[in-house]
Amino acid sequence: MVSKDHSLSQRRQCSLLQLSRSTLYYQPKPTGPENLELMRLIDAQFLRTPWYGSRQMARHLQRQKRKVGRHRVRRLMRLMRLVPIYREPNTSKKHPVHKVYPYLLKGLKIDRPNQVWCSDITYIPMQQGFLYLVVIMDWYSRKVLSWRLSNTMEADFCVEALKEALATHGRPQIFNTDQGSQFTSGDWIDVLKEAEIQISMDGRGRWIDNRMVERLWRSLKYECVYIRAFENGRQAKAGIGEWIDYYNTERPHSRHGILTPFEAHANQNEPGMRLAA
């Protein structure tokens, strides 16, 4: 039997790592080193060619002298939540029962912070395994409002990130996501409804609306994840947190001239403002 003190210690450790509580007692199925290496190669190539399906990705790997077939590549891409943009409008698997909400952003001019938020999940490779990362982002400023790491695809780590963003930054008018099961789950939807936030979900042909988060993933992985080659979740949490702080507060975003996402989000009353050169 696990002692009360030991359980409390585990919960505290999990909180420090920004990992979902549901992962405390979860023992993931081991992923062999060969598959981990293939997943790293697939992830790096998908950032460059997000239209690659399993067939083309398998051919790419075979040209790199990797003995791998299409079915294996397809299984690994599903595990990593990678779906080519020409096949589906999003990178998530729909739940067969959950309700899908209409897309609300068509023709909408997004010109101020906290008007629209969005969220997405990506795969984070480590030397001995992998994690999933979710971010909550302000659409206008591109500021990362909150984030969480998890070693499972359950919805709770997404819900925790959402609650933190709402507690810290108020609430948006609209929250837009893809139709992935994490974002159609009852726990996620209940939080949005309780906060009286309009729910929007990408429909067919709207994959392009996720482009700002895809650019975030590309920058994060090339500038942090691939360079650092994290050994474990603790290193990943520290390194990703450091990079997100840099992205938010030091790195000017092309959308806002020389303003950082933090500065663009702080200029609540002056949308479109640019600092003088």
Protein backbone atom coordinates (compact mmCIF):
# COMPACT_ATOMS: atom_id res chain seq x y z
CA MET A 1 0.00 0.00 0.00
CA VAL A 2 1.27 3.48 -0.89
CA SER A 3 1.63 5.70 2.18
CA LYS A 4 -0.18 9.03 2.45
CA ASP A 5 3.13 10.90 2.68
CA HIS A 6 4.47 9.11 -0.39
CA SER A 7 1.33 9.94 -2.40
CA LEU A 8 1.58 13.60 -1.37
CA SER A 9 5.23 13.65 -2.40
CA GLN A 10 4.35 12.24 -5.81
CA ARG A 11 1.62 14.83 -6.34
CA ARG A 12 4.00 17.64 -5.44
CA GLN A 13 6.64 16.29 -7.80
CA CYS A 14 4.08 16.02 -10.58
CA SER A 15 3.00 19.62 -9.98
CA LEU A 16 6.58 20.83 -10.17
CA LEU A 17 7.02 19.07 -13.50
CA GLN A 18 3.76 20.55 -14.85
CA LEU A 19 2.62 17.00 -15.61
CA SER A 20 -0.99 15.91 -15.40
CA ARG A 21 -1.97 14.13 -12.16
CA SER A 22 -3.43 11.25 -14.14
CA THR A 23 0.10 10.27 -15.15
CA LEU A 24 1.18 9.65 -11.53
CA TYR A 25 0.40 5.93 -11.48
CA TYR A 26 0.29 5.37 -15.23
CA GLN A 27 2.94 3.01 -16.56
CA PRO A 28 3.24 3.62 -20.32
CA LYS A 29 3.96 0.71 -22.62
CA PRO A 30 7.67 0.74 -23.45
CA THR A 31 8.64 2.12 -26.84
CA GLY A 32 11.77 0.51 -28.21
CA PRO A 33 14.83 2.57 -29.14
CA GLU A 34 14.35 1.83 -32.83
CA ASN A 35 10.81 3.23 -32.80
CA LEU A 36 11.91 6.25 -30.77
CA GLU A 37 14.57 7.01 -33.35
CA LEU A 38 12.04 6.63 -36.19
CA MET A 39 9.63 8.94 -34.37
CA ARG A 40 12.34 11.60 -34.03
CA LEU A 41 13.09 11.36 -37.75
CA ILE A 42 9.39 11.48 -38.65
CA ASP A 43 8.80 14.49 -36.39
CA ALA A 44 11.71 16.45 -37.87
CA GLN A 45 10.65 15.69 -41.45
CA PHE A 46 6.98 16.47 -40.79
CA LEU A 47 7.92 19.98 -39.64
CA ARG A 48 9.48 20.53 -43.06
CA THR A 49 6.84 18.69 -45.13
CA PRO A 50 3.51 18.62 -43.24
CA TRP A 51 1.77 17.23 -46.33
CA TYR A 52 3.61 13.90 -46.07
CA GLY A 53 1.30 10.96 -45.44
CA SER A 54 2.46 7.57 -44.22
CA ARG A 55 3.29 6.36 -47.73
CA GLN A 56 5.52 9.33 -48.58
CA MET A 57 7.05 9.38 -45.11
CA ALA A 58 7.93 5.69 -45.42
CA ARG A 59 9.62 6.39 -48.75
CA HIS A 60 11.57 9.24 -47.17
CA LEU A 61 12.79 6.97 -44.36
CA GLN A 62 13.66 4.22 -46.80
CA ARG A 63 15.84 6.69 -48.68
CA GLN A 64 17.61 7.27 -45.37
CA LYS A 65 18.43 3.55 -45.32
CA ARG A 66 15.76 2.77 -42.69
CA LYS A 67 14.01 -0.56 -43.01
CA VAL A 68 10.43 0.47 -42.36
CA GLY A 69 7.08 -0.08 -44.06
CA ARG A 70 4.07 2.15 -44.54
CA HIS A 71 1.92 0.45 -41.90
CA ARG A 72 4.53 0.91 -39.21
CA VAL A 73 4.99 4.56 -40.17
CA ARG A 74 1.23 5.10 -40.09
CA ARG A 75 1.02 3.61 -36.59
CA LEU A 76 3.84 5.84 -35.33
CA MET A 77 2.35 8.96 -36.94
CA ARG A 78 -0.97 8.24 -35.25
CA LEU A 79 0.82 7.85 -31.93
CA MET A 80 2.46 11.24 -32.52
CA ARG A 81 -0.82 12.88 -33.65
CA LEU A 82 0.60 13.73 -37.09
CA VAL A 83 -1.96 13.95 -39.88
CA PRO A 84 -0.97 15.46 -43.26
CA ILE A 85 -2.77 18.69 -44.04
CA TYR A 86 -4.26 17.47 -47.32
CA ARG A 87 -6.07 14.57 -45.68
CA GLU A 88 -7.61 16.18 -42.62
CA PRO A 89 -8.11 19.77 -41.44
CA ASN A 90 -6.49 19.10 -38.07
CA THR A 91 -3.92 16.95 -36.26
CA SER A 92 -6.32 15.23 -33.88
CA LYS A 93 -8.47 12.15 -33.93
CA LYS A 94 -12.18 12.84 -33.57
CA HIS A 95 -14.19 11.10 -30.90
CA PRO A 96 -17.15 9.18 -32.38
CA VAL A 97 -19.60 10.37 -29.68
CA HIS A 98 -18.47 13.86 -28.63
CA LYS A 99 -20.34 16.85 -30.04
CA VAL A 100 -18.56 18.95 -32.65
CA TYR A 101 -19.20 22.71 -32.52
CA PRO A 102 -19.46 25.05 -35.54
CA TYR A 103 -16.60 27.15 -36.84
CA LEU A 104 -17.08 30.78 -35.75
CA LEU A 105 -14.06 32.57 -37.22
CA LYS A 106 -15.05 32.82 -40.89
CA GLY A 107 -14.87 36.47 -41.88
CA LEU A 108 -14.05 37.55 -38.32
CA LYS A 109 -11.45 40.31 -37.93
CA ILE A 110 -9.25 39.38 -34.98
CA ASP A 111 -7.70 42.66 -33.87
CA ARG A 112 -7.33 42.59 -30.09
CA PRO A 113 -5.98 40.40 -27.28
CA ASN A 114 -8.37 37.99 -25.56
CA GLN A 115 -10.76 38.09 -28.49
CA VAL A 116 -9.89 34.56 -29.63
CA TRP A 117 -7.76 31.89 -27.97
CA CYS A 118 -6.62 28.63 -29.51
CA SER A 119 -4.91 25.43 -28.40
CA ASP A 120 -2.99 22.51 -29.84
CA ILE A 121 -0.95 19.46 -28.79
CA THR A 122 2.41 18.28 -30.09
CA TYR A 123 4.84 15.40 -29.59
CA ILE A 124 8.04 16.08 -27.60
CA PRO A 125 10.84 13.51 -28.09
CA MET A 126 13.23 12.61 -25.28
CA GLN A 127 16.21 10.28 -25.16
CA GLN A 128 14.29 7.59 -23.28
CA GLY A 129 10.72 8.21 -24.40
CA PHE A 130 8.38 11.05 -25.31
CA LEU A 131 5.77 13.43 -23.90
CA TYR A 132 2.86 15.45 -25.22
CA LEU A 133 2.79 19.25 -24.89
CA VAL A 134 -0.35 21.39 -24.97
CA VAL A 135 -0.35 25.19 -25.18
CA ILE A 136 -3.08 27.78 -24.81
CA MET A 137 -2.34 30.72 -27.12
CA ASP A 138 -3.87 34.15 -27.65
CA TRP A 139 -4.64 34.35 -31.37
CA TYR A 140 -3.98 38.08 -31.81
CA SER A 141 -0.77 38.53 -29.81
CA ARG A 142 0.55 34.95 -30.29
CA LYS A 143 1.37 34.87 -26.58
CA VAL A 144 1.53 31.43 -24.93
CA LEU A 145 -0.83 31.87 -21.98
CA SER A 146 -0.23 28.46 -20.35
CA TRP A 147 1.13 25.02 -21.12
CA ARG A 148 1.31 21.48 -19.75
CA LEU A 149 3.26 18.28 -20.39
CA SER A 150 1.82 14.77 -20.11
CA ASN A 151 2.84 11.21 -20.95
CA THR A 152 -0.75 10.29 -21.85
CA MET A 153 -3.31 11.71 -24.27
CA GLU A 154 -6.06 12.02 -21.69
CA ALA A 155 -7.89 15.36 -21.68
CA ASP A 156 -7.04 16.37 -18.11
CA PHE A 157 -3.67 17.99 -18.87
CA CYS A 158 -5.39 20.15 -21.48
CA VAL A 159 -8.10 21.11 -18.98
CA GLU A 160 -5.46 22.04 -16.38
CA ALA A 161 -3.73 24.34 -18.88
CA LEU A 162 -7.07 25.90 -19.81
CA LYS A 163 -7.98 26.59 -16.18
CA GLU A 164 -4.59 28.18 -15.52
CA ALA A 165 -4.93 30.47 -18.56
CA LEU A 166 -8.41 31.58 -17.48
CA ALA A 167 -7.28 32.21 -13.90
CA THR A 168 -4.27 34.22 -15.04
CA HIS A 169 -5.49 36.10 -18.11
CA GLY A 170 -9.26 36.38 -17.82
CA ARG A 171 -11.38 34.85 -20.57
CA PRO A 172 -11.59 35.20 -24.35
CA GLN A 173 -14.73 35.84 -26.34
CA ILE A 174 -14.13 32.74 -28.50
CA PHE A 175 -12.01 29.62 -28.05
CA ASN A 176 -11.07 27.80 -31.28
CA THR A 177 -9.55 24.31 -31.52
CA ASP A 178 -9.51 21.36 -33.86
CA GLN A 179 -11.97 18.49 -33.38
CA GLY A 180 -9.60 16.29 -31.39
CA SER A 181 -11.08 14.21 -28.61
CA GLN A 182 -9.26 16.24 -25.92
CA PHE A 183 -11.06 19.39 -27.10
CA THR A 184 -14.50 17.82 -27.45
CA SER A 185 -14.39 16.05 -24.08
CA GLY A 186 -17.01 16.88 -21.48
CA ASP A 187 -14.44 18.24 -18.99
CA TRP A 188 -12.99 20.69 -21.54
CA ILE A 189 -16.38 21.84 -22.83
CA ASP A 190 -17.76 22.27 -19.30
CA VAL A 191 -14.97 24.71 -18.39
CA LEU A 192 -15.64 26.81 -21.50
CA LYS A 193 -19.38 26.84 -20.95
CA GLU A 194 -19.04 27.74 -17.28
CA ALA A 195 -16.88 30.71 -18.29
CA GLU A 196 -19.47 31.66 -20.96
CA ILE A 197 -16.94 31.39 -23.79
CA GLN A 198 -18.13 30.77 -27.34
CA ILE A 199 -16.82 27.43 -28.65
CA SER A 200 -15.44 27.21 -32.18
CA MET A 201 -13.94 24.17 -33.91
CA ASP A 202 -12.09 23.92 -37.19
CA GLY A 203 -14.12 22.36 -39.97
CA ARG A 204 -13.04 20.68 -43.18
CA GLY A 205 -10.58 22.81 -45.12
CA ARG A 206 -9.71 25.01 -42.11
CA TRP A 207 -6.33 23.46 -41.22
CA ILE A 208 -4.69 26.75 -42.18
CA ASP A 209 -6.18 28.40 -39.07
CA ASN A 210 -3.74 26.39 -36.98
CA ARG A 211 -0.73 27.85 -38.76
CA MET A 212 0.37 30.12 -35.90
CA VAL A 213 0.63 27.20 -33.49
CA GLU A 214 2.39 25.09 -36.11
CA ARG A 215 4.98 27.88 -36.43
CA LEU A 216 5.37 27.86 -32.65
CA TRP A 217 6.03 24.10 -32.73
CA ARG A 218 8.60 24.50 -35.48
CA SER A 219 10.51 27.20 -33.60
CA LEU A 220 10.30 25.37 -30.27
CA LYS A 221 11.61 22.11 -31.69
CA TYR A 222 14.43 23.53 -33.79
CA GLU A 223 15.58 26.08 -31.21
CA CYS A 224 15.07 24.03 -28.05
CA VAL A 225 13.91 20.41 -28.18
CA TYR A 226 16.23 19.01 -30.86
CA ILE A 227 19.24 20.96 -29.60
CA ARG A 228 18.77 20.08 -25.93
CA ALA A 229 17.91 16.37 -26.46
CA PHE A 230 16.14 16.05 -23.10
CA GLU A 231 16.85 12.93 -21.07
CA ASN A 232 13.66 13.02 -18.98
CA GLY A 233 10.50 14.92 -18.12
CA ARG A 234 12.21 17.16 -15.57
CA GLN A 235 14.70 18.40 -18.15
CA ALA A 236 11.95 18.81 -20.74
CA LYS A 237 9.82 20.86 -18.34
CA ALA A 238 12.72 23.16 -17.44
CA GLY A 239 13.97 23.59 -21.00
CA ILE A 240 10.56 24.16 -22.57
CA GLY A 241 9.58 26.58 -19.81
CA GLU A 242 12.77 28.58 -20.35
CA TRP A 243 12.17 28.74 -24.12
CA ILE A 244 8.51 29.76 -23.79
CA ASP A 245 9.53 32.59 -21.43
CA TYR A 246 12.06 33.72 -24.05
CA TYR A 247 9.46 33.45 -26.84
CA ASN A 248 6.89 35.46 -24.88
CA THR A 249 9.09 38.22 -23.44
CA GLU A 250 12.25 38.60 -25.54
CA ARG A 251 11.60 37.50 -29.10
CA PRO A 252 9.78 40.05 -31.31
CA HIS A 253 7.01 38.47 -33.35
CA SER A 254 6.80 39.25 -37.08
CA ARG A 255 3.07 39.94 -36.74
CA HIS A 256 3.75 42.86 -34.39
CA GLY A 257 6.86 44.55 -35.71
CA ILE A 258 9.33 44.76 -32.84
CA LEU A 259 6.81 43.91 -30.14
CA THR A 260 7.11 40.62 -28.31
CA PRO A 261 3.96 38.51 -27.79
CA PHE A 262 3.93 39.64 -24.13
CA GLU A 263 3.99 43.31 -25.18
CA ALA A 264 1.37 42.81 -27.89
CA HIS A 265 -0.92 41.10 -25.39
CA ALA A 266 -0.35 43.83 -22.78
CA ASN A 267 -1.44 46.57 -25.21
CA GLN A 268 -5.09 45.79 -24.59
CA ASN A 269 -6.34 49.23 -25.57
CA GLU A 270 -4.15 49.76 -28.64
CA PRO A 271 -4.54 46.83 -31.06
CA GLY A 272 -2.11 46.90 -33.94
CA MET A 273 0.31 49.18 -32.06
CA ARG A 274 3.96 49.14 -33.15
CA LEU A 275 6.83 50.47 -31.10
CA ALA A 276 8.74 53.27 -32.78
CA ALA A 277 11.95 52.17 -34.47
